[in-house]
Protein backbone atom coordinates (compact mmCIF):
# COMPACT_ATOMS: atom_id res chain seq x y z
CA MET A 1 -0.03 -0.11 -0.01
CA ARG A 2 1.22 3.51 -0.82
CA ILE A 3 1.79 5.60 2.23
CA TYR A 4 2.73 9.20 2.65
CA LEU A 5 5.03 10.51 5.41
CA PRO A 6 6.52 13.97 6.36
CA LEU A 7 10.20 13.68 6.53
CA ILE A 8 11.74 13.25 9.86
CA VAL A 9 15.42 13.29 10.71
CA GLU A 10 15.92 9.36 10.30
CA ASP A 11 14.78 9.50 6.75
CA ARG A 12 17.43 11.73 5.57
CA PRO A 13 20.28 9.17 5.15
CA VAL A 14 18.02 7.28 2.74
CA LEU A 15 17.56 10.39 0.51
CA GLU A 16 21.24 11.40 1.07
CA SER A 17 22.48 8.07 -0.42
CA ARG A 18 19.88 7.95 -3.15
CA GLY A 19 18.43 4.83 -1.31
CA VAL A 20 15.18 3.10 -1.74
CA VAL A 21 14.38 1.35 1.47
CA VAL A 22 13.19 3.38 4.36
CA GLY A 23 12.95 2.06 7.94
CA LEU A 24 9.63 3.05 9.63
CA ALA A 25 9.17 2.54 13.25
CA ALA A 26 5.93 1.37 14.83
CA GLY A 27 3.71 4.03 15.81
CA ARG A 28 4.79 6.44 13.25
CA ARG A 29 1.90 8.44 11.61
CA ALA A 30 1.30 8.06 7.95
CA TRP A 31 -1.54 8.94 5.50
CA ALA A 32 -3.05 6.47 2.94
CA ALA A 33 -5.95 5.75 0.62
CA SER A 34 -6.80 2.85 3.09
CA ALA A 35 -9.69 0.43 2.94
CA GLU A 36 -11.31 2.57 5.41
CA ALA A 37 -11.06 5.91 3.43
CA ARG A 38 -12.18 3.96 0.15
CA ARG A 39 -15.44 2.74 1.93
CA ASP A 40 -16.03 6.40 3.24
CA ARG A 41 -15.89 7.60 -0.32
CA PRO A 42 -17.61 5.00 -2.67
CA GLY A 43 -17.22 5.60 -6.48
CA GLN A 44 -14.19 8.22 -5.56
CA ASP A 45 -11.27 7.65 -8.17
CA GLU A 46 -8.31 5.91 -6.72
CA GLU A 47 -5.98 8.80 -8.09
CA ASP A 48 -8.33 11.35 -6.25
CA LEU A 49 -7.98 9.31 -2.91
CA GLU A 50 -4.11 9.27 -3.44
CA TYR A 51 -3.85 12.90 -3.93
CA GLU A 52 -6.03 13.65 -0.98
CA ALA A 53 -3.79 11.44 1.27
CA LEU A 54 -0.80 13.16 0.04
CA GLN A 55 -2.18 16.67 0.80
CA ASP A 56 -3.25 15.52 4.26
CA ALA A 57 0.43 14.61 4.93
CA VAL A 58 1.76 18.05 3.30
CA HIS A 59 -0.65 19.98 5.71
CA VAL A 60 0.65 18.07 8.82
CA ALA A 61 4.23 18.56 7.63
CA PHE A 62 3.38 22.28 7.24
CA SER A 63 1.99 22.47 10.78
CA GLY A 64 5.46 21.74 12.20
CA ALA A 65 7.26 23.91 9.73
CA GLY A 66 8.51 27.45 10.24
CA PRO A 67 6.97 30.29 8.17
CA SER A 68 9.55 30.16 5.24
CA GLN A 69 10.34 26.39 5.58
CA ARG A 70 9.30 24.24 2.58
CA VAL A 71 8.31 20.49 3.60
CA LEU A 72 8.97 17.17 2.07
CA VAL A 73 6.74 14.27 2.06
CA LEU A 74 7.90 10.71 1.16
CA ALA A 75 5.57 8.30 -0.67
CA ALA A 76 6.45 4.75 0.05
CA ASP A 77 5.08 1.33 -0.47
CA VAL A 78 4.53 -1.06 2.62
CA PRO A 79 2.74 -4.21 3.26
CA GLU A 80 -0.97 -3.32 4.24
CA GLN A 81 -0.73 -5.59 7.25
CA ALA A 82 1.93 -3.34 8.62
CA LEU A 83 -0.55 -0.50 9.05
CA ARG A 84 -3.47 0.34 11.28
CA PRO A 85 -6.40 2.86 11.15
CA ALA A 86 -5.34 6.09 12.95
CA THR A 87 -8.43 8.23 11.82
CA GLU A 88 -8.95 9.64 15.21
CA ASP A 89 -6.07 11.94 15.10
CA GLY A 90 -4.95 11.51 11.46
CA GLY A 91 -8.18 12.48 9.53
CA ALA A 92 -10.08 10.28 7.07
CA PHE A 93 -6.57 9.07 5.61
CA GLY A 94 -4.58 8.66 8.87
CA VAL A 95 -2.75 5.34 9.38
CA ALA A 96 -0.08 4.35 11.75
CA ILE A 97 2.78 1.72 11.36
CA ASP A 98 1.69 -1.06 13.52
CA GLN A 99 4.99 -2.94 13.61
CA ASP A 100 8.61 -2.03 12.63
CA CYS A 101 8.88 -2.49 8.92
CA THR A 102 10.52 -1.13 5.91
CA GLY A 103 9.03 0.67 2.93
CA ARG A 104 10.12 0.97 -0.63
CA LEU A 105 10.55 4.54 -1.52
CA ALA A 106 8.46 5.60 -4.48
CA SER A 107 9.17 9.34 -4.81
CA SER A 108 9.58 12.44 -2.63
CA HIS A 109 7.44 15.58 -2.79
CA VAL A 110 8.62 19.05 -1.84
CA SER A 111 6.32 21.96 -1.51
CA GLU A 112 7.34 24.97 -3.83
CA LEU A 113 6.27 27.51 -1.27
CA GLY A 114 7.26 28.01 2.37
CA ALA A 115 4.60 27.33 5.17
CA ALA A 116 3.22 30.92 5.40
CA ALA A 117 3.07 31.30 1.66
CA ALA A 118 1.17 28.13 1.32
CA GLU A 119 -1.09 29.01 3.92
CA ALA A 120 -2.03 32.32 2.42
CA ASP A 121 -2.66 30.47 -0.88
CA ASP A 122 -6.33 29.35 -1.26
CA THR A 123 -5.17 26.38 -3.42
CA ASP A 124 -3.59 22.86 -2.29
CA PRO A 125 0.05 23.35 -1.99
CA ALA A 126 2.03 22.75 -5.24
CA LEU A 127 4.51 20.00 -4.84
CA LEU A 128 7.47 19.20 -6.88
CA TRP A 129 8.10 15.37 -7.50
CA PHE A 130 11.38 13.51 -7.18
CA ASP A 131 12.39 10.32 -8.17
CA PRO A 132 14.17 8.03 -5.40
CA SER A 133 17.27 8.61 -7.19
CA GLU A 134 17.00 12.35 -6.76
CA GLY A 135 17.21 12.23 -2.97
CA PRO A 136 20.01 14.62 -2.67
CA GLU A 137 18.34 17.03 -5.13
CA ALA A 138 14.94 16.82 -3.18
CA LEU A 139 16.73 17.73 0.05
CA ALA A 140 18.74 20.65 -1.64
CA PHE A 141 15.37 22.04 -2.91
CA LEU A 142 13.77 21.50 0.50
CA GLU A 143 16.63 23.49 2.05
CA ALA A 144 16.73 26.36 -0.58
CA ALA A 145 14.74 29.39 0.31
CA PRO A 146 11.55 29.77 -1.48
CA GLN A 147 11.00 32.59 -3.89
CA GLY A 148 8.54 35.17 -2.96
């Protein structure tokens, strides 16, 4: 199952080394188009559900960012049995890692704008997509000062 995770310090070495396997500790929060989310939205397109899960992860990442900071969200594939619902504190797409596991990094998504500018914009935050082989470039873009 594809999950979306705001970047934490422990993820950085994977990106820095252009790795594709990320270690995930039990209890870590993530967002996904889970079976529960699909049941609550019958007939909604899978791509739309994935987009909403990604945007939820981005908004959570922004909540912990400084006003001019960009955020990075990882997309990783994990076994569905490694997850449990966490909608009580993660919203409709909230899940949590139920057991220590690894995930296969699919991509990284970095916001174009810093947190304050993204908050002021009335659209979903624009994200740049990075392949797992572009981990150092994703981190460099994350750390560069946003324009405007």
